[in-house]
Amino acid sequence: MLTVLPDATLDIVFRLGLAMLAGMILGLNRWLHHKSAGVRTHSLVSLGAAVAMILVESHVGSDAQSHSRVIQGLVTGIGFLGAGVIIRENSRHIHGLTTAASIWACAMLGAAAGAGNILLGGLALAAIMITLILGGPMEVLMGRLLGVRSSNGGSEKEHDA
C-alpha cells in the first residue's frame, strides 16, 4: 500500500529540494570556472540557509522578526565563509571575489526557498546566473570598446570569471 507523506513534510522536501537545486546550479557555474567552491559548497550553503529558515518557522511560526534575525545571522556568517575563498596573490591580484559573492547569494537563495518565497528565489537565481554568465564577457567587451585595461594587469581573461 502506498503511504502518502503529510503536506507539511512534502512542503519541507520541496523547499529543501529547491534550495539544493539553486546551490547546485550556482556551484556548477563556479566549478566550470575551476573555482575552489563548487557544487558541494554552494549546495551545502543553500541547504543550510533553508534549514535555518524552516527551523525557525517550525518553532515560532511565520514571525517576521524571527526570520529577520536568521537572515541577519546568515548575512554575517556567510561573509566569513566567502572570505575564505578570496586569495590575494600580491597587492595587484585578488582572486575569488565573484565566488565569495556567489556563496553569499546562494545563502540568500536558500533562505528564500526555506521561507517558501519560491518566486523571489527563482527570479533571483535567474538574475544571478545571467550576471555570472554574461558579466565577464561584458567586462571584456566594454574594456576593449573603452580602451580600459582590466585590474588584473592588462590580461583580457578575467581571473574570477
N, C-alpha and C. Protein backbone atom coordinates (compact mmCIF):
# COMPACT_ATOMS: atom_id res chain seq x y z
N MET A 1 0.84 -1.18 0.00
CA MET A 1 0.00 0.00 0.00
C MET A 1 0.89 1.25 0.00
N LEU A 2 0.55 2.21 -0.81
CA LEU A 2 1.30 3.45 -0.95
C LEU A 2 0.94 4.39 0.19
N THR A 3 1.97 4.84 0.92
CA THR A 3 1.76 5.79 2.00
C THR A 3 2.07 7.18 1.49
N VAL A 4 1.16 8.09 1.69
CA VAL A 4 1.34 9.47 1.25
C VAL A 4 1.90 10.28 2.42
N LEU A 5 2.91 11.08 2.13
CA LEU A 5 3.51 11.92 3.16
C LEU A 5 2.57 13.07 3.50
N PRO A 6 2.59 13.51 4.75
CA PRO A 6 1.77 14.67 5.13
C PRO A 6 2.18 15.91 4.33
N ASP A 7 1.24 16.82 4.16
CA ASP A 7 1.51 18.04 3.40
C ASP A 7 2.70 18.82 3.95
N ALA A 8 2.84 18.88 5.27
CA ALA A 8 3.94 19.62 5.88
C ALA A 8 5.28 19.01 5.49
N THR A 9 5.35 17.70 5.46
CA THR A 9 6.59 17.01 5.08
C THR A 9 6.90 17.26 3.61
N LEU A 10 5.89 17.18 2.76
CA LEU A 10 6.10 17.46 1.33
C LEU A 10 6.57 18.89 1.11
N ASP A 11 6.03 19.83 1.88
CA ASP A 11 6.45 21.22 1.77
C ASP A 11 7.92 21.37 2.14
N ILE A 12 8.35 20.73 3.20
CA ILE A 12 9.75 20.78 3.62
C ILE A 12 10.65 20.15 2.55
N VAL A 13 10.26 19.01 2.05
CA VAL A 13 11.03 18.34 1.00
C VAL A 13 11.14 19.24 -0.23
N PHE A 14 10.03 19.89 -0.61
CA PHE A 14 10.03 20.78 -1.76
C PHE A 14 10.96 21.97 -1.54
N ARG A 15 10.89 22.60 -0.38
CA ARG A 15 11.73 23.76 -0.09
C ARG A 15 13.21 23.38 -0.07
N LEU A 16 13.52 22.26 0.58
CA LEU A 16 14.92 21.82 0.63
C LEU A 16 15.42 21.43 -0.76
N GLY A 17 14.55 20.80 -1.53
CA GLY A 17 14.92 20.42 -2.90
C GLY A 17 15.23 21.63 -3.76
N LEU A 18 14.42 22.68 -3.62
CA LEU A 18 14.67 23.91 -4.38
C LEU A 18 15.96 24.58 -3.93
N ALA A 19 16.20 24.60 -2.63
CA ALA A 19 17.43 25.19 -2.12
C ALA A 19 18.64 24.42 -2.66
N MET A 20 18.56 23.09 -2.62
CA MET A 20 19.67 22.28 -3.12
C MET A 20 19.89 22.51 -4.61
N LEU A 21 18.81 22.57 -5.37
CA LEU A 21 18.91 22.80 -6.82
C LEU A 21 19.55 24.15 -7.12
N ALA A 22 19.14 25.19 -6.40
CA ALA A 22 19.74 26.51 -6.61
C ALA A 22 21.23 26.48 -6.30
N GLY A 23 21.60 25.84 -5.21
CA GLY A 23 23.02 25.71 -4.85
C GLY A 23 23.79 24.93 -5.89
N MET A 24 23.19 23.87 -6.41
CA MET A 24 23.86 23.07 -7.43
C MET A 24 24.08 23.86 -8.72
N ILE A 25 23.10 24.66 -9.10
CA ILE A 25 23.22 25.45 -10.33
C ILE A 25 24.34 26.48 -10.18
N LEU A 26 24.35 27.22 -9.08
CA LEU A 26 25.41 28.19 -8.87
C LEU A 26 26.77 27.52 -8.72
N GLY A 27 26.79 26.43 -7.98
CA GLY A 27 28.04 25.70 -7.77
C GLY A 27 28.60 25.13 -9.06
N LEU A 28 27.73 24.66 -9.93
CA LEU A 28 28.18 24.13 -11.22
C LEU A 28 28.85 25.22 -12.04
N ASN A 29 28.29 26.42 -12.02
CA ASN A 29 28.93 27.55 -12.72
C ASN A 29 30.32 27.80 -12.17
N ARG A 30 30.48 27.82 -10.88
CA ARG A 30 31.79 28.07 -10.27
C ARG A 30 32.74 26.92 -10.56
N TRP A 31 32.24 25.69 -10.52
CA TRP A 31 33.07 24.51 -10.81
C TRP A 31 33.56 24.54 -12.25
N LEU A 32 32.68 24.94 -13.17
CA LEU A 32 33.08 25.03 -14.58
C LEU A 32 34.16 26.08 -14.80
N HIS A 33 34.26 27.04 -13.89
CA HIS A 33 35.31 28.05 -13.97
C HIS A 33 36.50 27.69 -13.09
N HIS A 34 36.55 26.43 -12.64
CA HIS A 34 37.67 25.89 -11.86
C HIS A 34 37.90 26.66 -10.56
N LYS A 35 36.84 26.99 -9.86
CA LYS A 35 36.94 27.71 -8.60
C LYS A 35 36.89 26.73 -7.44
N SER A 36 37.42 27.17 -6.29
CA SER A 36 37.53 26.27 -5.14
C SER A 36 36.18 25.90 -4.54
N ALA A 37 35.21 26.76 -4.63
CA ALA A 37 33.88 26.47 -4.09
C ALA A 37 32.97 26.08 -5.25
N GLY A 38 32.59 24.81 -5.29
CA GLY A 38 31.79 24.31 -6.40
C GLY A 38 30.42 23.83 -5.99
N VAL A 39 29.99 22.74 -6.57
CA VAL A 39 28.64 22.22 -6.38
C VAL A 39 28.37 21.89 -4.92
N ARG A 40 29.27 21.17 -4.29
CA ARG A 40 29.02 20.76 -2.90
C ARG A 40 28.95 21.95 -1.95
N THR A 41 29.91 22.86 -2.08
CA THR A 41 29.93 24.01 -1.17
C THR A 41 28.68 24.85 -1.33
N HIS A 42 28.32 25.18 -2.57
CA HIS A 42 27.15 26.01 -2.80
C HIS A 42 25.87 25.29 -2.37
N SER A 43 25.77 24.02 -2.64
CA SER A 43 24.59 23.26 -2.22
C SER A 43 24.45 23.23 -0.71
N LEU A 44 25.56 23.01 -0.02
CA LEU A 44 25.52 22.96 1.44
C LEU A 44 25.16 24.32 2.03
N VAL A 45 25.69 25.39 1.46
CA VAL A 45 25.36 26.73 1.95
C VAL A 45 23.87 27.00 1.76
N SER A 46 23.37 26.69 0.59
CA SER A 46 21.95 26.93 0.29
C SER A 46 21.05 26.07 1.18
N LEU A 47 21.40 24.81 1.31
CA LEU A 47 20.62 23.91 2.18
C LEU A 47 20.65 24.37 3.63
N GLY A 48 21.83 24.75 4.10
CA GLY A 48 21.94 25.22 5.48
C GLY A 48 21.08 26.44 5.75
N ALA A 49 21.06 27.37 4.81
CA ALA A 49 20.22 28.56 4.97
C ALA A 49 18.75 28.18 4.97
N ALA A 50 18.37 27.26 4.09
CA ALA A 50 16.98 26.81 4.04
C ALA A 50 16.58 26.11 5.33
N VAL A 51 17.46 25.28 5.85
CA VAL A 51 17.17 24.58 7.12
C VAL A 51 16.98 25.60 8.23
N ALA A 52 17.83 26.62 8.28
CA ALA A 52 17.70 27.65 9.33
C ALA A 52 16.35 28.34 9.25
N MET A 53 15.92 28.68 8.04
CA MET A 53 14.63 29.36 7.88
C MET A 53 13.46 28.43 8.23
N ILE A 54 13.54 27.19 7.80
CA ILE A 54 12.47 26.22 8.09
C ILE A 54 12.44 25.94 9.59
N LEU A 55 13.60 25.82 10.20
CA LEU A 55 13.68 25.53 11.63
C LEU A 55 13.05 26.63 12.46
N VAL A 56 13.36 27.89 12.16
CA VAL A 56 12.78 28.98 12.94
C VAL A 56 11.27 29.05 12.71
N GLU A 57 10.84 28.77 11.48
CA GLU A 57 9.40 28.79 11.19
C GLU A 57 8.67 27.68 11.93
N SER A 58 9.31 26.52 12.05
CA SER A 58 8.64 25.40 12.72
C SER A 58 8.52 25.62 14.23
N HIS A 59 9.38 26.47 14.78
CA HIS A 59 9.32 26.71 16.23
C HIS A 59 8.53 27.95 16.62
N VAL A 60 8.59 28.99 15.80
CA VAL A 60 7.91 30.23 16.18
C VAL A 60 6.88 30.67 15.16
N GLY A 61 6.69 29.92 14.10
CA GLY A 61 5.74 30.31 13.07
C GLY A 61 6.35 31.30 12.10
N SER A 62 5.52 31.98 11.38
CA SER A 62 5.98 32.92 10.36
C SER A 62 6.17 34.32 10.94
N ASP A 63 6.88 34.41 12.03
CA ASP A 63 7.17 35.67 12.69
C ASP A 63 8.27 36.40 11.91
N ALA A 64 7.96 37.60 11.41
CA ALA A 64 8.91 38.36 10.59
C ALA A 64 10.18 38.70 11.36
N GLN A 65 10.06 38.98 12.65
CA GLN A 65 11.25 39.32 13.43
C GLN A 65 12.19 38.13 13.56
N SER A 66 11.63 36.95 13.75
CA SER A 66 12.47 35.75 13.85
C SER A 66 13.18 35.47 12.54
N HIS A 67 12.45 35.60 11.44
CA HIS A 67 13.07 35.40 10.13
C HIS A 67 14.16 36.44 9.89
N SER A 68 13.90 37.66 10.30
CA SER A 68 14.88 38.74 10.14
C SER A 68 16.16 38.43 10.89
N ARG A 69 16.05 37.91 12.09
CA ARG A 69 17.25 37.57 12.87
C ARG A 69 18.04 36.44 12.22
N VAL A 70 17.34 35.46 11.67
CA VAL A 70 18.03 34.36 10.97
C VAL A 70 18.77 34.91 9.75
N ILE A 71 18.10 35.75 8.98
CA ILE A 71 18.74 36.32 7.79
C ILE A 71 19.93 37.18 8.17
N GLN A 72 19.83 37.95 9.24
CA GLN A 72 20.96 38.75 9.70
C GLN A 72 22.15 37.86 10.05
N GLY A 73 21.88 36.77 10.72
CA GLY A 73 22.95 35.83 11.06
C GLY A 73 23.58 35.19 9.83
N LEU A 74 22.73 34.85 8.85
CA LEU A 74 23.24 34.27 7.62
C LEU A 74 24.13 35.26 6.87
N VAL A 75 23.67 36.48 6.75
CA VAL A 75 24.42 37.51 6.02
C VAL A 75 25.80 37.69 6.65
N THR A 76 25.86 37.73 7.95
CA THR A 76 27.13 37.92 8.65
C THR A 76 27.99 36.66 8.58
N GLY A 77 27.42 35.54 8.91
CA GLY A 77 28.19 34.30 8.96
C GLY A 77 28.72 33.85 7.63
N ILE A 78 27.93 33.98 6.59
CA ILE A 78 28.37 33.55 5.26
C ILE A 78 29.49 34.45 4.76
N GLY A 79 29.54 35.68 5.22
CA GLY A 79 30.64 36.58 4.85
C GLY A 79 31.99 35.99 5.24
N PHE A 80 32.05 35.31 6.37
CA PHE A 80 33.30 34.69 6.80
C PHE A 80 33.67 33.51 5.89
N LEU A 81 32.68 32.74 5.48
CA LEU A 81 32.93 31.63 4.57
C LEU A 81 33.42 32.17 3.22
N GLY A 82 32.77 33.22 2.74
CA GLY A 82 33.18 33.84 1.48
C GLY A 82 34.60 34.38 1.55
N ALA A 83 34.97 34.93 2.70
CA ALA A 83 36.33 35.46 2.86
C ALA A 83 37.37 34.35 2.70
N GLY A 84 36.98 33.14 3.00
CA GLY A 84 37.91 32.03 2.88
C GLY A 84 38.25 31.66 1.45
N VAL A 85 37.45 32.07 0.47
CA VAL A 85 37.76 31.75 -0.92
C VAL A 85 38.45 32.90 -1.65
N ILE A 86 38.63 34.03 -0.95
CA ILE A 86 39.32 35.17 -1.56
C ILE A 86 40.82 35.00 -1.35
N ILE A 87 41.56 35.08 -2.42
CA ILE A 87 43.01 34.91 -2.37
C ILE A 87 43.66 36.19 -2.88
N ARG A 88 44.62 36.67 -2.14
CA ARG A 88 45.37 37.84 -2.57
C ARG A 88 46.80 37.40 -2.87
N GLU A 89 47.16 37.40 -4.16
CA GLU A 89 48.49 36.97 -4.56
C GLU A 89 49.54 38.02 -4.23
N ASN A 90 49.25 39.25 -4.52
CA ASN A 90 50.11 40.38 -4.18
C ASN A 90 49.22 41.60 -4.12
N SER A 91 49.81 42.76 -4.10
CA SER A 91 48.98 43.95 -3.95
C SER A 91 48.10 44.23 -5.16
N ARG A 92 48.34 43.56 -6.30
CA ARG A 92 47.58 43.86 -7.51
C ARG A 92 46.57 42.79 -7.90
N HIS A 93 46.75 41.54 -7.48
CA HIS A 93 45.89 40.45 -7.94
C HIS A 93 45.09 39.86 -6.79
N ILE A 94 43.79 39.98 -6.90
CA ILE A 94 42.89 39.39 -5.92
C ILE A 94 41.96 38.45 -6.67
N HIS A 95 41.85 37.22 -6.20
CA HIS A 95 41.01 36.21 -6.84
C HIS A 95 39.93 35.76 -5.86
N GLY A 96 38.80 35.36 -6.39
CA GLY A 96 37.77 34.74 -5.58
C GLY A 96 36.62 35.64 -5.17
N LEU A 97 36.64 36.89 -5.57
CA LEU A 97 35.56 37.79 -5.16
C LEU A 97 34.21 37.36 -5.73
N THR A 98 34.19 36.94 -6.98
CA THR A 98 32.92 36.51 -7.59
C THR A 98 32.42 35.24 -6.91
N THR A 99 33.32 34.31 -6.62
CA THR A 99 32.91 33.09 -5.94
C THR A 99 32.41 33.40 -4.53
N ALA A 100 33.07 34.30 -3.83
CA ALA A 100 32.61 34.70 -2.49
C ALA A 100 31.21 35.32 -2.58
N ALA A 101 31.00 36.16 -3.58
CA ALA A 101 29.69 36.77 -3.76
C ALA A 101 28.64 35.72 -4.11
N SER A 102 29.02 34.72 -4.90
CA SER A 102 28.05 33.68 -5.27
C SER A 102 27.69 32.83 -4.06
N ILE A 103 28.63 32.61 -3.15
CA ILE A 103 28.33 31.88 -1.92
C ILE A 103 27.34 32.68 -1.08
N TRP A 104 27.58 33.97 -0.97
CA TRP A 104 26.68 34.84 -0.20
C TRP A 104 25.28 34.83 -0.82
N ALA A 105 25.22 35.00 -2.15
CA ALA A 105 23.93 34.99 -2.84
C ALA A 105 23.25 33.64 -2.70
N CYS A 106 24.03 32.58 -2.70
CA CYS A 106 23.49 31.23 -2.57
C CYS A 106 22.80 31.06 -1.21
N ALA A 107 23.37 31.63 -0.19
CA ALA A 107 22.75 31.57 1.14
C ALA A 107 21.40 32.29 1.12
N MET A 108 21.35 33.40 0.43
CA MET A 108 20.08 34.14 0.35
C MET A 108 19.04 33.36 -0.47
N LEU A 109 19.49 32.66 -1.51
CA LEU A 109 18.57 31.82 -2.28
C LEU A 109 18.02 30.70 -1.40
N GLY A 110 18.89 30.10 -0.62
CA GLY A 110 18.45 29.06 0.31
C GLY A 110 17.47 29.60 1.34
N ALA A 111 17.73 30.81 1.83
CA ALA A 111 16.81 31.44 2.79
C ALA A 111 15.45 31.69 2.14
N ALA A 112 15.46 32.13 0.91
CA ALA A 112 14.19 32.37 0.20
C ALA A 112 13.42 31.06 0.03
N ALA A 113 14.13 30.00 -0.37
CA ALA A 113 13.47 28.69 -0.53
C ALA A 113 12.96 28.19 0.82
N GLY A 114 13.76 28.33 1.85
CA GLY A 114 13.35 27.89 3.18
C GLY A 114 12.16 28.65 3.70
N ALA A 115 12.06 29.92 3.34
CA ALA A 115 10.92 30.73 3.77
C ALA A 115 9.69 30.51 2.90
N GLY A 116 9.86 29.73 1.82
CA GLY A 116 8.74 29.44 0.94
C GLY A 116 8.50 30.52 -0.12
N ASN A 117 9.43 31.44 -0.28
CA ASN A 117 9.29 32.50 -1.27
C ASN A 117 9.93 32.04 -2.58
N ILE A 118 9.21 31.16 -3.26
CA ILE A 118 9.72 30.49 -4.45
C ILE A 118 9.90 31.46 -5.61
N LEU A 119 8.98 32.39 -5.80
CA LEU A 119 9.09 33.36 -6.89
C LEU A 119 10.34 34.21 -6.74
N LEU A 120 10.56 34.75 -5.56
CA LEU A 120 11.75 35.56 -5.31
C LEU A 120 13.02 34.74 -5.56
N GLY A 121 13.07 33.53 -5.03
CA GLY A 121 14.24 32.68 -5.22
C GLY A 121 14.50 32.36 -6.68
N GLY A 122 13.44 32.03 -7.41
CA GLY A 122 13.60 31.70 -8.84
C GLY A 122 14.06 32.88 -9.67
N LEU A 123 13.45 34.04 -9.43
CA LEU A 123 13.85 35.24 -10.17
C LEU A 123 15.28 35.65 -9.82
N ALA A 124 15.62 35.56 -8.54
CA ALA A 124 16.98 35.90 -8.12
C ALA A 124 18.00 34.93 -8.72
N LEU A 125 17.68 33.65 -8.74
CA LEU A 125 18.58 32.66 -9.35
C LEU A 125 18.81 32.99 -10.82
N ALA A 126 17.75 33.32 -11.53
CA ALA A 126 17.89 33.68 -12.95
C ALA A 126 18.78 34.91 -13.10
N ALA A 127 18.56 35.92 -12.28
CA ALA A 127 19.36 37.15 -12.37
C ALA A 127 20.83 36.88 -12.03
N ILE A 128 21.07 36.05 -11.03
CA ILE A 128 22.44 35.72 -10.64
C ILE A 128 23.14 34.96 -11.77
N MET A 129 22.44 34.00 -12.38
CA MET A 129 23.05 33.23 -13.46
C MET A 129 23.33 34.12 -14.67
N ILE A 130 22.44 35.03 -14.99
CA ILE A 130 22.68 35.96 -16.10
C ILE A 130 23.94 36.78 -15.81
N THR A 131 24.05 37.24 -14.58
CA THR A 131 25.23 38.02 -14.18
C THR A 131 26.50 37.20 -14.29
N LEU A 132 26.47 35.96 -13.80
CA LEU A 132 27.67 35.12 -13.85
C LEU A 132 28.06 34.75 -15.29
N ILE A 133 27.08 34.50 -16.12
CA ILE A 133 27.36 34.07 -17.50
C ILE A 133 27.77 35.24 -18.38
N LEU A 134 27.06 36.36 -18.26
CA LEU A 134 27.31 37.48 -19.16
C LEU A 134 28.26 38.54 -18.59
N GLY A 135 28.45 38.55 -17.28
CA GLY A 135 29.26 39.60 -16.64
C GLY A 135 30.69 39.66 -17.13
N GLY A 136 31.39 38.54 -17.16
CA GLY A 136 32.78 38.52 -17.61
C GLY A 136 32.94 38.96 -19.05
N PRO A 137 32.21 38.33 -19.98
CA PRO A 137 32.32 38.77 -21.38
C PRO A 137 31.94 40.24 -21.57
N MET A 138 30.97 40.73 -20.79
CA MET A 138 30.58 42.13 -20.90
C MET A 138 31.72 43.05 -20.44
N GLU A 139 32.41 42.67 -19.37
CA GLU A 139 33.54 43.46 -18.89
C GLU A 139 34.66 43.51 -19.93
N VAL A 140 34.95 42.36 -20.55
CA VAL A 140 35.98 42.31 -21.58
C VAL A 140 35.59 43.19 -22.77
N LEU A 141 34.36 43.06 -23.22
CA LEU A 141 33.88 43.84 -24.36
C LEU A 141 33.95 45.34 -24.07
N MET A 142 33.44 45.75 -22.92
CA MET A 142 33.45 47.17 -22.57
C MET A 142 34.89 47.67 -22.40
N GLY A 143 35.76 46.84 -21.87
CA GLY A 143 37.16 47.22 -21.75
C GLY A 143 37.79 47.48 -23.10
N ARG A 144 37.47 46.63 -24.06
CA ARG A 144 38.00 46.82 -25.42
C ARG A 144 37.43 48.08 -26.05
N LEU A 145 36.12 48.27 -25.92
CA LEU A 145 35.48 49.43 -26.54
C LEU A 145 35.95 50.74 -25.92
N LEU A 146 36.16 50.75 -24.63
CA LEU A 146 36.54 51.97 -23.93
C LEU A 146 38.05 52.11 -23.76
N GLY A 147 38.79 51.07 -24.15
CA GLY A 147 40.24 51.12 -24.01
C GLY A 147 40.71 51.07 -22.57
N VAL A 148 39.93 50.43 -21.72
CA VAL A 148 40.27 50.32 -20.31
C VAL A 148 40.99 49.01 -20.08
N ARG A 149 42.14 49.10 -19.43
CA ARG A 149 42.86 47.87 -19.06
C ARG A 149 42.21 47.28 -17.82
N SER A 150 42.11 45.98 -17.78
CA SER A 150 41.48 45.34 -16.62
C SER A 150 42.37 45.48 -15.41
N SER A 151 41.78 45.31 -14.24
CA SER A 151 42.52 45.45 -12.99
C SER A 151 43.44 44.28 -12.72
N ASN A 152 43.40 43.26 -13.58
CA ASN A 152 44.26 42.09 -13.37
C ASN A 152 45.56 42.18 -14.16
N GLY A 153 46.01 43.39 -14.40
CA GLY A 153 47.31 43.57 -15.02
C GLY A 153 47.26 43.63 -16.53
N GLY A 154 46.11 43.87 -17.12
CA GLY A 154 46.01 44.03 -18.55
C GLY A 154 45.55 42.80 -19.29
N SER A 155 45.48 41.68 -18.62
CA SER A 155 45.03 40.47 -19.30
C SER A 155 43.55 40.59 -19.61
N GLU A 156 43.16 40.14 -20.79
CA GLU A 156 41.75 40.22 -21.15
C GLU A 156 40.95 39.08 -20.53
N LYS A 157 41.63 38.05 -20.10
CA LYS A 157 40.93 36.93 -19.47
C LYS A 157 40.74 37.26 -18.00
N GLU A 158 39.53 37.23 -17.57
CA GLU A 158 39.22 37.55 -16.18
C GLU A 158 39.71 36.45 -15.27
N HIS A 159 40.33 36.81 -14.13
CA HIS A 159 40.79 35.82 -13.19
C HIS A 159 39.65 35.09 -12.49
N ASP A 160 38.54 35.77 -12.26
CA ASP A 160 37.45 35.18 -11.48
C ASP A 160 36.15 35.20 -12.29
N ALA A 161 36.22 34.73 -13.51
CA ALA A 161 35.06 34.73 -14.39
C ALA A 161 33.92 33.95 -13.81
